[in-house]
């Protein structure tokens, strides 16, 4: 009598580009946590200040933006305290840009691991989104402290009911950065030039959003070109973030719905391209 071999997992090629194998991702959740820990520890390993950089970067950036754009350039902040206005934009933008830039190099940075052992590749970009969420949480604490300081100092701002959209806004930022980053990462396996474009491209994209100026100012001063800022999918997300916490901003359900739709399309496209590239990337990286 012969005994049949039983296996926990059978590794086969994917039959569909949309086959995410979410059950595998759940089974490898411990690996996901290890990747999150790796990203957190390796980034600040052998640094003197360590996690204090979580606070230093937004504080220095806020101070510089306040001096250059708020005082020297005199750009309006819709009547909000300048440091609070810039801190809100920087906090939200940092999370989105970190998810995008770090996800955009997934194949290149992990080619050694991908070529040696099998695991669901989607775990790596997911771990980047999760590890950046820790940094975002720490910076949100700093933003809340600054918000409370100005609130009890009598500053003229009032949080709105849109603040309850905060969890949805965080998810949108994460998925938009994840989807865009996976598209770029997949394309850089063949077109290495894109890796050089990402760094300063993200910086240029920041000036096309409402990080350093409100949308109302862009519409008022440059009505012919303000559509570039308005149709930037991250703009409604930042505006909703500010409107929720500070009560100022160009909040619109239509604009937020537009950002949600663009995020869904880019995420779906990113997954499709990521799955397709995963099959042959070892030959190109």
Protein backbone atom coordinates (compact mmCIF):
# COMPACT_ATOMS: atom_id res chain seq x y z
CA UNK A 1 0.00 0.00 0.00
CA UNK A 2 1.51 3.29 -1.07
CA UNK A 3 1.26 6.46 0.97
CA UNK A 4 0.41 9.69 -0.73
CA UNK A 5 2.65 12.67 -0.02
CA UNK A 6 0.85 15.57 1.56
CA UNK A 7 2.01 19.13 1.04
CA UNK A 8 1.05 22.35 2.78
CA UNK A 9 1.76 24.49 -0.30
CA UNK A 10 2.10 23.86 -3.98
CA UNK A 11 4.07 26.55 -5.82
CA UNK A 12 2.79 27.06 -9.33
CA UNK A 13 2.97 29.82 -11.90
CA UNK A 14 0.13 32.30 -11.63
CA UNK A 15 -2.71 31.64 -13.98
CA UNK A 16 -3.93 35.23 -13.89
CA UNK A 17 -2.36 38.63 -13.53
CA UNK A 18 -5.05 39.42 -10.97
CA UNK A 19 -4.29 36.34 -8.87
CA UNK A 20 -3.03 38.01 -5.68
CA UNK A 21 -3.03 34.82 -3.56
CA UNK A 22 -4.11 36.74 -0.49
CA UNK A 23 -4.17 33.50 1.47
CA UNK A 24 -0.40 33.23 0.97
CA UNK A 25 0.13 36.80 2.10
CA UNK A 26 -1.79 36.01 5.29
CA UNK A 27 0.21 32.80 5.78
CA UNK A 28 3.45 34.80 5.41
CA UNK A 29 2.34 37.55 7.80
CA UNK A 30 5.28 36.81 10.11
CA UNK A 31 7.62 37.52 7.21
CA UNK A 32 5.76 40.76 6.61
CA UNK A 33 6.44 41.81 10.21
CA UNK A 34 10.11 40.87 9.81
CA UNK A 35 10.38 43.06 6.70
CA UNK A 36 8.75 45.93 8.59
CA UNK A 37 11.28 45.53 11.39
CA UNK A 38 14.12 45.29 8.87
CA UNK A 39 13.08 48.51 7.14
CA UNK A 40 12.80 50.32 10.46
CA UNK A 41 16.06 49.08 11.98
CA UNK A 42 18.28 49.20 8.88
CA UNK A 43 17.33 52.79 8.04
CA UNK A 44 18.49 54.14 11.42
CA UNK A 45 21.23 51.63 12.16
CA UNK A 46 24.57 53.24 13.08
CA UNK A 47 23.00 56.69 13.39
CA UNK A 48 23.57 58.82 16.47
CA UNK A 49 20.08 60.28 16.77
CA UNK A 50 18.19 57.23 15.50
CA UNK A 51 14.39 57.60 15.55
CA UNK A 52 14.77 61.26 16.58
CA UNK A 53 15.10 61.92 12.86
CA UNK A 54 11.36 61.28 12.75
CA UNK A 55 10.96 64.62 14.52
CA UNK A 56 13.96 66.52 13.19
CA UNK A 57 13.12 66.27 9.49
CA UNK A 58 9.58 67.73 9.65
CA UNK A 59 10.61 70.37 12.20
CA UNK A 60 13.49 71.67 10.09
CA UNK A 61 11.44 71.48 6.89
CA UNK A 62 8.59 73.39 8.53
CA UNK A 63 10.98 76.07 9.79
CA UNK A 64 12.55 76.51 6.35
CA UNK A 65 9.19 76.59 4.56
CA UNK A 66 7.88 79.15 7.07
CA UNK A 67 10.88 81.42 6.54
CA UNK A 68 11.23 81.07 2.76
CA UNK A 69 7.67 80.67 1.49
CA UNK A 70 5.73 82.23 4.36
CA UNK A 71 7.93 85.21 5.23
CA UNK A 72 10.20 85.94 2.26
CA UNK A 73 7.80 84.99 -0.55
CA UNK A 74 4.71 86.01 1.41
CA UNK A 75 2.56 83.13 0.13
CA UNK A 76 -0.88 83.01 1.72
CA UNK A 77 -1.78 80.26 4.18
CA UNK A 78 -5.54 81.01 4.25
CA UNK A 79 -5.19 82.84 7.56
CA UNK A 80 -3.73 79.81 9.33
CA UNK A 81 -0.55 80.01 11.44
CA UNK A 82 2.28 79.41 8.98
CA UNK A 83 4.10 76.64 10.90
CA UNK A 84 0.82 74.77 11.41
CA UNK A 85 -0.14 75.11 7.73
CA UNK A 86 3.22 73.80 6.50
CA UNK A 87 3.44 71.05 9.13
CA UNK A 88 0.07 69.69 7.99
CA UNK A 89 1.19 69.55 4.36
CA UNK A 90 4.62 68.11 5.17
CA UNK A 91 3.25 65.37 7.43
CA UNK A 92 0.79 64.09 4.83
CA UNK A 93 3.18 64.55 1.90
CA UNK A 94 6.04 62.70 3.62
CA UNK A 95 3.96 59.55 4.02
CA UNK A 96 2.82 59.53 0.41
CA UNK A 97 6.27 60.34 -1.02
CA UNK A 98 8.03 57.75 1.18
CA UNK A 99 5.60 55.04 0.07
CA UNK A 100 6.14 56.00 -3.56
CA UNK A 101 9.93 56.37 -3.61
CA UNK A 102 10.72 53.28 -1.54
CA UNK A 103 8.23 51.09 -3.36
CA UNK A 104 9.62 52.25 -6.71
CA UNK A 105 12.92 50.42 -6.03
CA UNK A 106 11.49 47.14 -4.70
CA UNK A 107 12.81 44.89 -7.48
CA UNK A 108 16.23 46.52 -7.57
CA UNK A 109 16.73 46.59 -3.79
CA UNK A 110 15.52 43.02 -3.21
CA UNK A 111 16.83 41.26 -6.32
CA UNK A 112 19.14 39.07 -4.23
CA UNK A 113 16.29 37.77 -2.07
CA UNK A 114 13.83 37.42 -4.93
CA UNK A 115 16.26 35.29 -6.91
CA UNK A 116 16.92 32.79 -4.11
CA UNK A 117 13.75 31.96 -2.23
CA UNK A 118 10.03 31.94 -2.88
CA UNK A 119 7.54 34.06 -0.98
CA UNK A 120 4.67 36.29 -2.11
CA UNK A 121 6.52 39.24 -3.68
CA UNK A 122 3.70 41.62 -2.85
CA UNK A 123 4.73 41.33 0.80
CA UNK A 124 7.75 43.59 0.21
CA UNK A 125 5.88 46.70 -1.04
CA UNK A 126 3.23 46.09 1.62
CA UNK A 127 5.93 46.04 4.29
CA UNK A 128 7.22 49.39 3.02
CA UNK A 129 3.76 50.94 3.37
CA UNK A 130 3.43 49.48 6.87
CA UNK A 131 6.89 50.58 8.07
CA UNK A 132 6.33 54.11 6.75
CA UNK A 133 3.05 54.15 8.65
CA UNK A 134 5.08 54.02 11.88
CA UNK A 135 7.02 57.10 10.86
CA UNK A 136 3.80 58.81 9.82
CA UNK A 137 2.26 58.03 13.21
CA UNK A 138 5.20 59.59 15.05
CA UNK A 139 5.06 62.72 12.88
CA UNK A 140 1.30 62.93 13.43
CA UNK A 141 1.97 63.09 17.18
CA UNK A 142 4.29 66.05 16.51
CA UNK A 143 1.63 67.70 14.36
CA UNK A 144 -1.05 67.20 17.04
CA UNK A 145 1.24 68.75 19.67
CA UNK A 146 1.77 71.80 17.45
CA UNK A 147 -1.98 71.95 16.73
CA UNK A 148 -2.84 71.90 20.44
CA UNK A 149 -0.25 74.59 21.15
CA UNK A 150 -1.81 76.98 18.63
CA UNK A 151 -5.33 76.01 19.68
CA UNK A 152 -4.76 76.94 23.33
CA UNK A 153 -2.83 80.04 22.20
CA UNK A 154 -6.03 81.34 20.61
CA UNK A 155 -5.16 80.80 16.94
CA UNK A 156 -8.07 81.20 14.53
CA UNK A 157 -8.80 77.69 13.27
CA UNK A 158 -11.49 75.12 13.99
CA UNK A 159 -11.36 71.40 13.13
CA UNK A 160 -14.28 70.26 10.98
CA UNK A 161 -16.31 67.05 10.78
CA UNK A 162 -14.08 66.01 7.85
CA UNK A 163 -11.57 64.97 10.49
CA UNK A 164 -13.46 61.66 10.67
CA UNK A 165 -12.24 60.98 7.12
CA UNK A 166 -8.68 60.77 8.45
CA UNK A 167 -8.42 56.92 8.34
CA UNK A 168 -9.73 56.94 4.76
CA UNK A 169 -7.25 59.69 3.83
CA UNK A 170 -4.34 57.64 5.22
CA UNK A 171 -5.47 54.59 3.23
CA UNK A 172 -5.71 56.70 0.06
CA UNK A 173 -2.18 58.07 0.54
CA UNK A 174 -0.81 54.59 1.15
CA UNK A 175 -2.55 52.97 -1.83
CA UNK A 176 -1.74 55.84 -4.20
CA UNK A 177 1.94 55.66 -3.28
CA UNK A 178 1.86 51.85 -3.41
CA UNK A 179 0.22 51.63 -6.84
CA UNK A 180 2.39 54.32 -8.43
CA UNK A 181 5.53 52.90 -6.85
CA UNK A 182 4.84 49.36 -8.12
CA UNK A 183 4.35 50.67 -11.65
CA UNK A 184 7.66 52.53 -11.54
CA UNK A 185 9.48 49.61 -9.89
CA UNK A 186 8.29 47.23 -12.59
CA UNK A 187 9.35 49.59 -15.36
CA UNK A 188 12.82 50.23 -13.88
CA UNK A 189 13.74 46.55 -14.35
CA UNK A 190 14.03 47.33 -18.09
CA UNK A 191 14.42 51.11 -18.13
CA UNK A 192 17.00 52.02 -15.49
CA UNK A 193 16.78 55.71 -16.34
CA UNK A 194 13.48 55.90 -14.48
CA UNK A 195 15.30 55.27 -11.20
CA UNK A 196 17.15 58.56 -11.66
CA UNK A 197 13.93 60.41 -12.48
CA UNK A 198 12.08 59.31 -9.36
CA UNK A 199 14.22 61.25 -6.88
CA UNK A 200 13.84 64.75 -8.29
CA UNK A 201 10.54 63.88 -9.97
CA UNK A 202 8.90 63.48 -6.55
CA UNK A 203 10.38 66.81 -5.47
CA UNK A 204 8.94 68.51 -8.55
CA UNK A 205 5.60 66.82 -7.91
CA UNK A 206 5.52 68.40 -4.46
CA UNK A 207 5.45 71.86 -6.03
CA UNK A 208 2.49 70.72 -8.12
CA UNK A 209 0.50 69.98 -4.97
CA UNK A 210 -0.74 72.18 -2.13
CA UNK A 211 2.07 71.50 0.32
CA UNK A 212 3.44 75.05 0.34
CA UNK A 213 0.37 76.97 -0.82
CA UNK A 214 -3.41 76.56 -0.59
CA UNK A 215 -5.42 75.61 -3.65
CA UNK A 216 -7.36 78.87 -3.41
CA UNK A 217 -4.15 80.84 -4.02
CA UNK A 218 -3.27 78.78 -7.11
CA UNK A 219 -6.76 79.34 -8.54
CA UNK A 220 -6.73 83.06 -7.76
CA UNK A 221 -3.26 83.91 -9.08
CA UNK A 222 -2.91 81.42 -11.93
CA UNK A 223 -6.43 80.48 -13.10
CA UNK A 224 -5.18 79.25 -16.50
CA UNK A 225 -2.70 76.80 -15.00
CA UNK A 226 -4.39 75.92 -11.72
CA UNK A 227 -5.92 72.83 -13.34
CA UNK A 228 -2.48 71.16 -13.11
CA UNK A 229 -2.72 71.38 -9.33
CA UNK A 230 -6.44 70.59 -9.19
CA UNK A 231 -6.13 67.40 -11.25
CA UNK A 232 -3.14 66.18 -9.27
CA UNK A 233 -4.75 63.26 -7.35
CA UNK A 234 -2.79 63.97 -4.17
CA UNK A 235 -4.10 67.56 -3.98
CA UNK A 236 -7.66 66.72 -2.83
CA UNK A 237 -6.17 64.35 -0.26
CA UNK A 238 -3.96 67.07 1.23
CA UNK A 239 -6.77 69.61 1.11
CA UNK A 240 -9.12 67.23 2.93
CA UNK A 241 -6.43 66.54 5.52
CA UNK A 242 -6.03 70.26 6.22
CA UNK A 243 -9.76 70.91 6.13
CA UNK A 244 -10.39 68.16 8.65
CA UNK A 245 -7.81 69.25 11.22
CA UNK A 246 -7.68 72.99 10.62
CA UNK A 247 -11.04 73.86 9.08
CA UNK A 248 -9.43 75.54 6.06
CA UNK A 249 -9.00 74.06 2.61
CA UNK A 250 -10.81 73.38 -0.63
CA UNK A 251 -12.73 70.30 0.46
CA UNK A 252 -15.00 68.70 -2.12
CA UNK A 253 -16.64 65.29 -2.26
CA UNK A 254 -16.26 65.33 -6.05
CA UNK A 255 -12.53 66.03 -5.84
CA UNK A 256 -12.04 63.38 -3.16
CA UNK A 257 -14.01 60.92 -5.28
CA UNK A 258 -11.74 61.75 -8.22
CA UNK A 259 -8.66 60.98 -6.12
CA UNK A 260 -10.24 57.73 -4.97
CA UNK A 261 -10.96 56.69 -8.55
CA UNK A 262 -7.43 57.53 -9.74
CA UNK A 263 -5.97 55.67 -6.74
CA UNK A 264 -8.04 52.57 -7.53
CA UNK A 265 -6.99 52.62 -11.20
CA UNK A 266 -3.29 53.11 -10.41
CA UNK A 267 -3.38 50.40 -7.72
CA UNK A 268 -5.05 47.92 -10.06
CA UNK A 269 -2.63 48.78 -12.87
CA UNK A 270 0.30 48.54 -10.47
CA UNK A 271 -0.75 45.06 -9.30
CA UNK A 272 -1.16 43.84 -12.87
CA UNK A 273 2.23 45.16 -13.99
CA UNK A 274 3.90 43.98 -10.77
CA UNK A 275 2.56 40.45 -11.21
CA UNK A 276 3.65 40.37 -14.84
CA UNK A 277 7.14 41.67 -14.09
CA UNK A 278 7.55 39.29 -11.16
CA UNK A 279 7.66 36.33 -13.53
CA UNK A 280 10.64 37.52 -15.56
CA UNK A 281 12.38 40.22 -13.54
CA UNK A 282 15.34 37.94 -12.59
CA UNK A 283 16.39 37.95 -16.24
CA UNK A 284 16.44 41.73 -16.34
CA UNK A 285 17.68 42.89 -12.93
